Amino acid sequence: MRIDLAQLEFINPILREMALSVEAHFGVEFTVTSLYRIPKGTPTSTHEVIPLRAIDLRCHDHDMGESVETYVNSIYQYDPNRQSKKCCMYHDAGGGYHLHLQVHENTALR
């Protein structure tokens, strides 16, 4: 199944632009492994809010994952007030390595 992120209005526009930019820049069509997650109580994750502020993309290639992470974080700043937060993380959160793209209401181009 493929999904056209450009047509999904519930995705934050900066996040949408970020994900589409990654695919265009690297010439790769990623598989989305997580979009919206139904909160169990008060939303605590960027995957649990609308407009959606996070997307997970399958990426088992460590070199590609690290390249995408560097590319995204060189273009976007998650939140100027929280310099340690990143827009892209290539990590294993328990379900295997993947790219986690996220934005904040203060996310901006560098």
C-alpha atoms as a PDB file:
ATOM      1  CA  MET A   1       0.000   0.000   0.000  1.00  0.00           C
ATOM      2  CA  ARG A   2       1.300   3.440  -0.869  1.00  0.00           C
ATOM      3  CA  ILE A   3       0.124   6.721   0.529  1.00  0.00           C
ATOM      4  CA  ASP A   4       0.293  10.204  -0.953  1.00  0.00           C
ATOM      5  CA  LEU A   5       1.413  12.371   1.978  1.00  0.00           C
ATOM      6  CA  ALA A   6       0.804  15.527  -0.073  1.00  0.00           C
ATOM      7  CA  GLN A   7      -2.940  14.785   0.044  1.00  0.00           C
ATOM      8  CA  LEU A   8      -3.244  14.267   3.802  1.00  0.00           C
ATOM      9  CA  GLU A   9      -4.584  17.445   5.374  1.00  0.00           C
ATOM     10  CA  PHE A  10      -4.186  16.140   8.928  1.00  0.00           C
ATOM     11  CA  ILE A  11      -0.376  16.217   8.633  1.00  0.00           C
ATOM     12  CA  ASN A  12       1.421  19.364   9.789  1.00  0.00           C
ATOM     13  CA  PRO A  13       2.464  21.218   6.587  1.00  0.00           C
ATOM     14  CA  ILE A  14       6.125  21.497   7.649  1.00  0.00           C
ATOM     15  CA  LEU A  15       6.239  17.773   8.433  1.00  0.00           C
ATOM     16  CA  ARG A  16       4.680  16.994   5.054  1.00  0.00           C
ATOM     17  CA  GLU A  17       7.247  19.195   3.292  1.00  0.00           C
ATOM     18  CA  MET A  18      10.066  17.557   5.267  1.00  0.00           C
ATOM     19  CA  ALA A  19       9.040  13.992   4.390  1.00  0.00           C
ATOM     20  CA  LEU A  20       8.518  14.786   0.713  1.00  0.00           C
ATOM     21  CA  SER A  21      11.851  16.634   0.596  1.00  0.00           C
ATOM     22  CA  VAL A  22      13.672  13.594   2.004  1.00  0.00           C
ATOM     23  CA  GLU A  23      12.221  11.298  -0.655  1.00  0.00           C
ATOM     24  CA  ALA A  24      13.000  13.760  -3.455  1.00  0.00           C
ATOM     25  CA  HIS A  25      16.535  14.477  -2.243  1.00  0.00           C
ATOM     26  CA  PHE A  26      17.504  10.824  -1.769  1.00  0.00           C
ATOM     27  CA  GLY A  27      15.456   9.432  -4.661  1.00  0.00           C
ATOM     28  CA  VAL A  28      13.910   6.799  -2.398  1.00  0.00           C
ATOM     29  CA  GLU A  29      10.290   5.934  -1.722  1.00  0.00           C
ATOM     30  CA  PHE A  30      10.119   5.088   1.982  1.00  0.00           C
ATOM     31  CA  THR A  31       7.531   2.912   3.680  1.00  0.00           C
ATOM     32  CA  VAL A  32       5.570   4.730   6.365  1.00  0.00           C
ATOM     33  CA  THR A  33       5.517   2.533   9.459  1.00  0.00           C
ATOM     34  CA  SER A  34       3.672   4.883  11.809  1.00  0.00           C
ATOM     35  CA  LEU A  35       1.531   7.980  11.470  1.00  0.00           C
ATOM     36  CA  TYR A  36      -1.287   8.698  13.911  1.00  0.00           C
ATOM     37  CA  ARG A  37      -1.463   6.708  17.130  1.00  0.00           C
ATOM     38  CA  ILE A  38      -4.638   6.749  19.191  1.00  0.00           C
ATOM     39  CA  PRO A  39      -3.768   8.234  22.594  1.00  0.00           C
ATOM     40  CA  LYS A  40      -4.488   6.287  25.752  1.00  0.00           C
ATOM     41  CA  GLY A  41      -5.501   9.317  27.781  1.00  0.00           C
ATOM     42  CA  THR A  42      -3.919  12.735  27.338  1.00  0.00           C
ATOM     43  CA  PRO A  43      -1.756  12.863  24.187  1.00  0.00           C
ATOM     44  CA  THR A  44       1.926  12.606  25.115  1.00  0.00           C
ATOM     45  CA  SER A  45       3.517  11.891  21.743  1.00  0.00           C
ATOM     46  CA  THR A  46       4.005  13.805  18.495  1.00  0.00           C
ATOM     47  CA  HIS A  47       2.216  10.815  16.904  1.00  0.00           C
ATOM     48  CA  GLU A  48      -0.910  11.463  19.006  1.00  0.00           C
ATOM     49  CA  VAL A  49      -1.899  14.995  18.000  1.00  0.00           C
ATOM     50  CA  ILE A  50      -3.727  16.526  15.059  1.00  0.00           C
ATOM     51  CA  PRO A  51      -2.330  18.065  12.987  1.00  0.00           C
ATOM     52  CA  LEU A  52       0.067  15.144  12.999  1.00  0.00           C
ATOM     53  CA  ARG A  53       3.583  16.108  14.088  1.00  0.00           C
ATOM     54  CA  ALA A  54       5.495  12.844  13.509  1.00  0.00           C
ATOM     55  CA  ILE A  55       6.039  10.188  10.862  1.00  0.00           C
ATOM     56  CA  ASP A  56       8.125   7.020  11.108  1.00  0.00           C
ATOM     57  CA  LEU A  57       9.774   5.669   7.965  1.00  0.00           C
ATOM     58  CA  ARG A  58      11.284   2.198   7.541  1.00  0.00           C
ATOM     59  CA  CYS A  59      15.044   2.347   7.024  1.00  0.00           C
ATOM     60  CA  HIS A  60      17.287  -0.666   7.649  1.00  0.00           C
ATOM     61  CA  ASP A  61      20.295   0.872   5.880  1.00  0.00           C
ATOM     62  CA  HIS A  62      22.404   2.544   8.584  1.00  0.00           C
ATOM     63  CA  ASP A  63      24.366   4.712   6.138  1.00  0.00           C
ATOM     64  CA  MET A  64      21.133   5.967   4.545  1.00  0.00           C
ATOM     65  CA  GLY A  65      19.517   6.520   7.946  1.00  0.00           C
ATOM     66  CA  GLU A  66      22.439   8.562   9.211  1.00  0.00           C
ATOM     67  CA  SER A  67      22.579  10.542   5.952  1.00  0.00           C
ATOM     68  CA  VAL A  68      18.871  11.381   6.148  1.00  0.00           C
ATOM     69  CA  GLU A  69      19.219  12.373   9.815  1.00  0.00           C
ATOM     70  CA  THR A  70      22.107  14.729   8.976  1.00  0.00           C
ATOM     71  CA  TYR A  71      20.287  16.158   5.939  1.00  0.00           C
ATOM     72  CA  VAL A  72      17.031  16.920   7.787  1.00  0.00           C
ATOM     73  CA  ASN A  73      18.679  18.340  10.905  1.00  0.00           C
ATOM     74  CA  SER A  74      20.898  20.608   8.791  1.00  0.00           C
ATOM     75  CA  ILE A  75      17.800  22.156   7.179  1.00  0.00           C
ATOM     76  CA  TYR A  76      15.231  22.215   9.995  1.00  0.00           C
ATOM     77  CA  GLN A  77      15.459  23.319  13.616  1.00  0.00           C
ATOM     78  CA  TYR A  78      12.903  21.581  15.852  1.00  0.00           C
ATOM     79  CA  ASP A  79      12.494  24.354  18.416  1.00  0.00           C
ATOM     80  CA  PRO A  80      14.940  27.236  18.963  1.00  0.00           C
ATOM     81  CA  ASN A  81      14.058  27.169  22.670  1.00  0.00           C
ATOM     82  CA  ARG A  82      15.093  23.507  22.970  1.00  0.00           C
ATOM     83  CA  GLN A  83      18.328  23.116  21.032  1.00  0.00           C
ATOM     84  CA  SER A  84      18.776  19.459  22.047  1.00  0.00           C
ATOM     85  CA  LYS A  85      15.591  18.364  20.225  1.00  0.00           C
ATOM     86  CA  LYS A  86      15.979  17.223  16.612  1.00  0.00           C
ATOM     87  CA  CYS A  87      13.587  16.987  13.662  1.00  0.00           C
ATOM     88  CA  CYS A  88      15.015  13.651  12.564  1.00  0.00           C
ATOM     89  CA  MET A  89      16.293  10.723  14.555  1.00  0.00           C
ATOM     90  CA  TYR A  90      17.548   7.473  13.092  1.00  0.00           C
ATOM     91  CA  HIS A  91      17.102   5.081  15.976  1.00  0.00           C
ATOM     92  CA  ASP A  92      15.726   1.832  17.310  1.00  0.00           C
ATOM     93  CA  ALA A  93      12.955   2.491  19.811  1.00  0.00           C
ATOM     94  CA  GLY A  94      12.401  -1.219  20.342  1.00  0.00           C
ATOM     95  CA  GLY A  95      10.820  -2.198  17.023  1.00  0.00           C
ATOM     96  CA  GLY A  96      13.862  -1.911  14.768  1.00  0.00           C
ATOM     97  CA  TYR A  97      15.785   0.932  13.225  1.00  0.00           C
ATOM     98  CA  HIS A  98      13.710   3.593  11.506  1.00  0.00           C
ATOM     99  CA  LEU A  99      13.637   7.299  10.737  1.00  0.00           C
ATOM    100  CA  HIS A 100      11.500   9.372  13.061  1.00  0.00           C
ATOM    101  CA  LEU A 101      10.598  12.768  11.567  1.00  0.00           C
ATOM    102  CA  GLN A 102       8.976  15.274  13.911  1.00  0.00           C
ATOM    103  CA  VAL A 103       8.067  18.938  14.096  1.00  0.00           C
ATOM    104  CA  HIS A 104       7.024  21.435  16.756  1.00  0.00           C
ATOM    105  CA  GLU A 105       4.931  24.581  16.382  1.00  0.00           C
ATOM    106  CA  ASN A 106       8.255  26.496  16.438  1.00  0.00           C
ATOM    107  CA  THR A 107      10.009  24.350  13.801  1.00  0.00           C
ATOM    108  CA  ALA A 108      11.700  26.501  11.176  1.00  0.00           C
ATOM    109  CA  LEU A 109      14.258  26.372   8.413  1.00  0.00           C
ATOM    110  CA  ARG A 110      17.829  27.001   9.551  1.00  0.00           C
END
